[in-house]
Amino acid sequence: MNEFSPMTRLLVKHARDAFGSQEACDQQWRDLNFTDAPQLPRAIADYDAFLTHIFAAGAALEFLPPDPRVGLDSIYVRDAALVSDLGVILCEMGKPQRSTEPAAQADAYAALGIPILGEIRAPGKIEGGDVVWFDEHTVAVGRGYRTNDDGIRQFQRLLGPDVEVIIVPLPHYRGASDVFHLMSIISPVAHDLAVVYSPLMPVSFREWLIARGIALVEVPDAEFDSMGANVLAIAPRQCVMVGGNPVTRQRLQAVGATVAEYDGREISIKGGGGPTCLTRPIARRK
């Protein structure tokens, strides 16, 4: 398991199925801490464009269906479940408004015949955006407002002794209501390359990355809020990112990466979820 080998199977949820209607967008966005209500026709078109880049990976796509138990945030499919080589682990969400998403995803995994290894139980909490795999034996977990110590301990127990869990303390930054995960500041895009926003990264973790031989593509301050650090690798050095981050894109290209962009204003920026958040890779080629 890692974040950059060629994807062979992944879970997604189309904007039309996550958002449902313009009325739902207008009713829910404030409570979910979106910056504005998504405009459904534009969101559907942008999601279709996003999927063209995912189709390029040649992976099998599994689409989550509409579900009345969940809301707009369910478009960010990564957060409600974790994937390991041993099976899927259902999360306990740090954002209370998303508490029903793991059960909804569990039904989908059962229908797809994907085994469930276990689940995180309260008072533990953990979200998928805080979990970054580097190889089958090494995973980093962000300890912040969405993921707590008990959630990390339960995750460690489910993975067993063969997996080293690197705990990364996350900053307060904009507070508990903000969307801030470990993947807000790091996206591995090859075994030796990662996109990072260093100003919010603990020194010890940055040093760990460098000692591991990982070169860092630095995101400038002006491109952090536009999700320059949230980059999806569909294969090593084959990247998908939100448009509007030209410096980060150029820095990736300068180290041999290819970059595809999509308009993320409706499906990413407003809800705080970039391309890694929009996808839950289930399997990658070993």
Protein backbone atom coordinates (compact mmCIF):
# COMPACT_ATOMS: atom_id res chain seq x y z
CA MET A 1 0.00 0.00 0.00
CA ASN A 2 1.22 3.49 -0.90
CA GLU A 3 -0.08 6.75 -2.34
CA PHE A 4 1.64 6.71 -5.73
CA SER A 5 1.79 3.30 -7.46
CA PRO A 6 -0.49 2.93 -10.52
CA MET A 7 -4.11 2.84 -9.41
CA THR A 8 -6.05 -0.25 -10.41
CA ARG A 9 -9.32 0.21 -8.50
CA LEU A 10 -10.80 3.18 -6.70
CA LEU A 11 -13.97 4.44 -5.10
CA VAL A 12 -15.53 7.76 -6.08
CA LYS A 13 -18.84 9.56 -5.67
CA HIS A 14 -20.11 11.77 -8.45
CA ALA A 15 -21.09 15.34 -7.57
CA ARG A 16 -24.64 14.71 -8.77
CA ASP A 17 -24.99 11.85 -6.27
CA ALA A 18 -23.24 13.58 -3.36
CA PHE A 19 -24.88 16.99 -3.76
CA GLY A 20 -28.28 15.73 -4.92
CA SER A 21 -30.01 19.02 -5.70
CA GLN A 22 -29.37 22.74 -5.66
CA GLU A 23 -31.80 22.96 -2.76
CA ALA A 24 -29.65 20.56 -0.73
CA CYS A 25 -26.52 22.58 -1.55
CA ASP A 26 -28.23 25.79 -0.48
CA GLN A 27 -29.47 24.24 2.78
CA GLN A 28 -26.34 22.40 3.90
CA TRP A 29 -23.28 24.44 2.99
CA ARG A 30 -23.19 26.72 6.04
CA ASP A 31 -23.55 23.93 8.59
CA LEU A 32 -20.83 21.91 6.84
CA ASN A 33 -18.48 24.92 6.82
CA PHE A 34 -18.25 25.17 3.03
CA THR A 35 -17.14 28.61 1.91
CA ASP A 36 -20.24 28.95 -0.31
CA ALA A 37 -23.02 26.84 -1.77
CA PRO A 38 -21.84 24.65 -4.67
CA GLN A 39 -23.61 25.42 -7.93
CA LEU A 40 -24.84 22.01 -9.02
CA PRO A 41 -24.72 22.26 -12.84
CA ARG A 42 -21.16 23.60 -12.74
CA ALA A 43 -20.16 21.03 -10.11
CA ILE A 44 -21.44 18.18 -12.29
CA ALA A 45 -19.54 19.48 -15.32
CA ASP A 46 -16.36 19.96 -13.28
CA TYR A 47 -16.64 16.48 -11.82
CA ASP A 48 -17.05 14.96 -15.28
CA ALA A 49 -13.89 16.80 -16.34
CA PHE A 50 -12.09 15.55 -13.23
CA LEU A 51 -13.08 11.98 -14.07
CA THR A 52 -11.47 12.20 -17.51
CA HIS A 53 -8.10 12.44 -15.77
CA ILE A 54 -8.94 9.49 -13.52
CA PHE A 55 -10.05 7.39 -16.48
CA ALA A 56 -6.61 8.02 -17.97
CA ALA A 57 -5.16 5.86 -15.20
CA GLY A 58 -7.03 2.85 -16.58
CA ALA A 59 -8.31 1.94 -13.13
CA ALA A 60 -11.67 0.33 -12.42
CA LEU A 61 -13.98 2.93 -10.89
CA GLU A 62 -16.59 2.04 -8.28
CA PHE A 63 -19.26 4.72 -7.80
CA LEU A 64 -20.93 5.26 -4.45
CA PRO A 65 -24.70 5.66 -4.94
CA PRO A 66 -26.91 8.49 -3.67
CA ASP A 67 -27.72 7.95 0.00
CA PRO A 68 -30.17 9.98 2.12
CA ARG A 69 -28.07 9.29 5.24
CA VAL A 70 -25.22 11.55 4.09
CA GLY A 71 -24.70 15.06 2.79
CA LEU A 72 -22.50 17.22 0.59
CA ASP A 73 -19.27 16.11 2.28
CA SER A 74 -19.80 12.54 1.07
CA ILE A 75 -18.18 13.59 -2.22
CA TYR A 76 -14.87 13.42 -0.30
CA VAL A 77 -14.83 9.64 -0.20
CA ARG A 78 -11.31 9.23 1.21
CA ASP A 79 -12.23 10.37 4.70
CA ALA A 80 -14.77 7.77 5.84
CA ALA A 81 -12.60 4.66 5.43
CA LEU A 82 -8.96 3.64 5.43
CA VAL A 83 -7.49 1.04 3.12
CA SER A 84 -4.66 -1.30 4.08
CA ASP A 85 -3.25 -4.47 2.57
CA LEU A 86 -5.28 -6.35 5.18
CA GLY A 87 -8.62 -4.76 4.27
CA VAL A 88 -10.77 -1.69 4.81
CA ILE A 89 -10.98 0.05 8.18
CA LEU A 90 -14.10 2.13 8.77
CA CYS A 91 -13.44 5.49 10.39
CA GLU A 92 -15.00 7.30 13.30
CA MET A 93 -15.34 10.80 11.91
CA GLY A 94 -13.85 13.83 13.62
CA LYS A 95 -16.41 16.07 11.94
CA PRO A 96 -19.75 15.29 13.68
CA GLN A 97 -21.84 16.17 10.61
CA ARG A 98 -20.13 13.29 8.75
CA SER A 99 -20.79 10.61 11.37
CA THR A 100 -23.10 8.57 9.11
CA GLU A 101 -20.66 8.27 6.21
CA PRO A 102 -18.68 5.21 7.42
CA ALA A 103 -21.85 3.10 7.70
CA ALA A 104 -22.96 4.20 4.24
CA GLN A 105 -19.57 3.25 2.82
CA ALA A 106 -19.65 -0.09 4.68
CA ASP A 107 -22.77 -1.03 2.74
CA ALA A 108 -21.04 -0.15 -0.51
CA TYR A 109 -17.92 -2.17 0.34
CA ALA A 110 -20.09 -5.17 1.22
CA ALA A 111 -21.90 -4.91 -2.11
CA LEU A 112 -18.55 -4.75 -3.91
CA GLY A 113 -17.19 -7.78 -2.05
CA ILE A 114 -14.39 -5.77 -0.43
CA PRO A 115 -13.47 -7.13 3.03
CA ILE A 116 -13.77 -4.98 6.14
CA LEU A 117 -10.84 -5.47 8.52
CA GLY A 118 -12.39 -3.50 11.35
CA GLU A 119 -13.61 -0.12 12.51
CA ILE A 120 -12.52 2.71 14.76
CA ARG A 121 -14.85 3.20 17.70
CA ALA A 122 -15.57 6.27 19.85
CA PRO A 123 -14.00 7.93 21.75
CA GLY A 124 -11.38 7.24 19.11
CA LYS A 125 -11.64 9.18 15.89
CA ILE A 126 -9.72 9.17 12.64
CA GLU A 127 -10.30 10.46 9.11
CA GLY A 128 -8.77 9.25 5.87
CA GLY A 129 -7.26 12.59 5.00
CA ASP A 130 -4.93 12.21 7.98
CA VAL A 131 -3.47 8.89 6.80
CA VAL A 132 -0.59 8.75 4.28
CA TRP A 133 1.00 5.45 3.21
CA PHE A 134 4.63 5.47 2.08
CA ASP A 135 5.02 1.71 1.66
CA GLU A 136 3.33 -1.45 2.93
CA HIS A 137 5.18 -1.20 6.25
CA THR A 138 5.14 2.57 6.83
CA VAL A 139 2.20 4.92 7.31
CA ALA A 140 2.05 8.47 8.68
CA VAL A 141 -0.98 9.67 10.64
CA GLY A 142 -1.75 13.30 11.43
CA ARG A 143 -2.77 13.95 15.04
CA GLY A 144 -5.09 16.92 14.92
CA TYR A 145 -8.70 17.90 15.45
CA ARG A 146 -10.06 15.17 13.12
CA THR A 147 -7.86 12.32 14.41
CA ASN A 148 -7.09 11.73 18.09
CA ASP A 149 -4.70 9.55 20.10
CA ASP A 150 -7.23 6.79 20.74
CA GLY A 151 -8.13 6.59 17.07
CA ILE A 152 -4.45 6.21 16.19
CA ARG A 153 -3.99 3.48 18.83
CA GLN A 154 -6.93 1.53 17.44
CA PHE A 155 -5.57 1.94 13.92
CA GLN A 156 -2.17 0.64 15.06
CA ARG A 157 -3.75 -2.43 16.68
CA LEU A 158 -5.71 -3.29 13.54
CA LEU A 159 -2.61 -2.99 11.35
CA GLY A 160 -0.48 -5.16 13.62
CA PRO A 161 3.23 -5.08 14.45
CA ASP A 162 4.49 -5.25 10.85
CA VAL A 163 3.43 -1.65 10.12
CA GLU A 164 5.27 1.35 11.57
CA VAL A 165 2.95 4.26 12.33
CA ILE A 166 4.60 7.69 12.22
CA ILE A 167 2.52 10.13 14.30
CA VAL A 168 2.62 13.69 12.95
CA PRO A 169 1.34 16.43 15.32
CA LEU A 170 -0.72 18.95 13.37
CA PRO A 171 -1.01 22.67 14.21
CA HIS A 172 -4.07 24.47 15.53
CA TYR A 173 -3.91 26.73 12.45
CA ARG A 174 -7.48 27.99 11.84
CA GLY A 175 -9.11 25.95 14.58
CA ALA A 176 -11.25 22.88 15.06
CA SER A 177 -13.90 23.80 12.50
CA ASP A 178 -11.41 24.18 9.64
CA VAL A 179 -10.74 21.39 7.15
CA PHE A 180 -7.14 20.55 7.97
CA HIS A 181 -5.68 17.07 7.48
CA LEU A 182 -2.17 15.72 7.10
CA MET A 183 -2.88 15.56 3.36
CA SER A 184 -3.44 19.32 3.43
CA ILE A 185 0.36 19.66 3.68
CA ILE A 186 1.79 16.57 1.97
CA SER A 187 1.07 14.47 -1.11
CA PRO A 188 3.56 11.72 -2.01
CA VAL A 189 3.69 11.43 -5.81
CA ALA A 190 6.51 8.85 -6.11
CA HIS A 191 8.62 6.81 -3.71
CA ASP A 192 11.22 9.59 -3.74
CA LEU A 193 9.07 12.70 -4.33
CA ALA A 194 6.38 14.55 -2.37
CA VAL A 195 4.55 17.86 -2.69
CA VAL A 196 4.64 19.69 0.65
CA TYR A 197 3.69 22.92 2.35
CA SER A 198 6.57 23.24 4.80
CA PRO A 199 5.40 26.25 6.88
CA LEU A 200 2.75 24.07 8.57
CA MET A 201 4.86 20.91 8.74
CA PRO A 202 6.56 19.75 11.96
CA VAL A 203 10.33 19.94 11.66
CA SER A 204 10.73 16.33 12.84
CA PHE A 205 8.44 15.03 10.08
CA ARG A 206 10.11 17.14 7.39
CA GLU A 207 13.49 15.81 8.52
CA TRP A 208 12.11 12.26 8.47
CA LEU A 209 11.01 12.70 4.85
CA ILE A 210 14.41 14.02 3.80
CA ALA A 211 16.25 11.25 5.65
CA ARG A 212 14.06 8.76 3.79
CA GLY A 213 15.40 10.15 0.51
CA ILE A 214 12.22 11.97 -0.50
CA ALA A 215 12.75 15.16 -2.51
CA LEU A 216 10.30 17.91 -1.62
CA VAL A 217 8.36 20.04 -4.09
CA GLU A 218 7.60 23.14 -2.06
CA VAL A 219 4.20 24.84 -2.38
CA PRO A 220 4.40 28.65 -2.13
CA ASP A 221 2.29 30.52 0.40
CA ALA A 222 0.04 31.94 -2.31
CA GLU A 223 -0.96 28.44 -3.45
CA PHE A 224 -1.75 26.80 -0.12
CA ASP A 225 -5.39 27.90 0.14
CA SER A 226 -5.94 26.90 -3.50
CA MET A 227 -4.85 23.36 -2.55
CA GLY A 228 -1.47 23.31 -4.21
CA ALA A 229 -0.31 20.70 -1.68
CA ASN A 230 -3.21 18.33 -2.36
CA VAL A 231 -2.03 16.36 -5.39
CA LEU A 232 -3.29 12.96 -6.50
CA ALA A 233 -0.78 10.53 -7.99
CA ILE A 234 -2.54 8.16 -10.39
CA ALA A 235 0.90 6.62 -11.03
CA PRO A 236 4.45 7.65 -10.04
CA ARG A 237 5.02 11.27 -11.13
CA GLN A 238 1.67 11.27 -12.95
CA CYS A 239 -0.33 13.88 -11.08
CA VAL A 240 -3.78 15.44 -10.94
CA MET A 241 -4.22 18.76 -9.16
CA VAL A 242 -6.61 21.67 -8.78
CA GLY A 243 -6.10 24.36 -11.41
CA GLY A 244 -4.79 27.75 -10.33
CA ASN A 245 -1.49 26.61 -8.81
CA PRO A 246 0.99 27.43 -11.57
CA VAL A 247 4.15 27.61 -9.44
CA THR A 248 3.55 24.20 -7.88
CA ARG A 249 2.68 22.77 -11.31
CA GLN A 250 5.89 24.15 -12.81
CA ARG A 251 7.98 22.83 -9.92
CA LEU A 252 6.48 19.36 -10.41
CA GLN A 253 7.15 19.46 -14.13
CA ALA A 254 10.72 20.56 -13.48
CA VAL A 255 11.38 17.26 -11.65
CA GLY A 256 9.86 15.14 -14.39
CA ALA A 257 6.23 14.89 -13.33
CA THR A 258 3.28 15.18 -15.68
CA VAL A 259 0.41 17.27 -14.38
CA ALA A 260 -3.27 17.32 -15.32
CA GLU A 261 -5.50 20.03 -13.89
CA TYR A 262 -9.22 20.43 -13.30
CA ASP A 263 -11.42 23.33 -12.27
CA GLY A 264 -11.98 22.71 -8.58
CA ARG A 265 -13.94 25.78 -7.61
CA GLU A 266 -17.25 23.95 -7.05
CA ILE A 267 -16.12 20.45 -6.08
CA SER A 268 -12.89 21.16 -4.20
CA ILE A 269 -12.29 24.74 -3.06
CA LYS A 270 -15.73 25.41 -1.56
CA GLY A 271 -15.72 22.21 0.50
CA GLY A 272 -12.01 22.03 1.27
CA GLY A 273 -11.34 18.73 -0.49
CA GLY A 274 -8.80 18.32 -3.28
CA PRO A 275 -8.27 15.43 -5.68
CA THR A 276 -6.93 13.05 -3.03
CA CYS A 277 -10.08 13.70 -1.00
CA LEU A 278 -12.32 13.00 -4.01
CA THR A 279 -10.87 9.50 -4.43
CA ARG A 280 -10.44 6.43 -2.26
CA PRO A 281 -7.91 4.17 -3.98
CA ILE A 282 -8.77 0.57 -3.13
CA ALA A 283 -5.91 -1.11 -4.96
CA ARG A 284 -2.67 -0.03 -6.59
CA ARG A 285 -0.30 -2.14 -8.66
CA LYS A 286 2.54 -3.62 -6.60
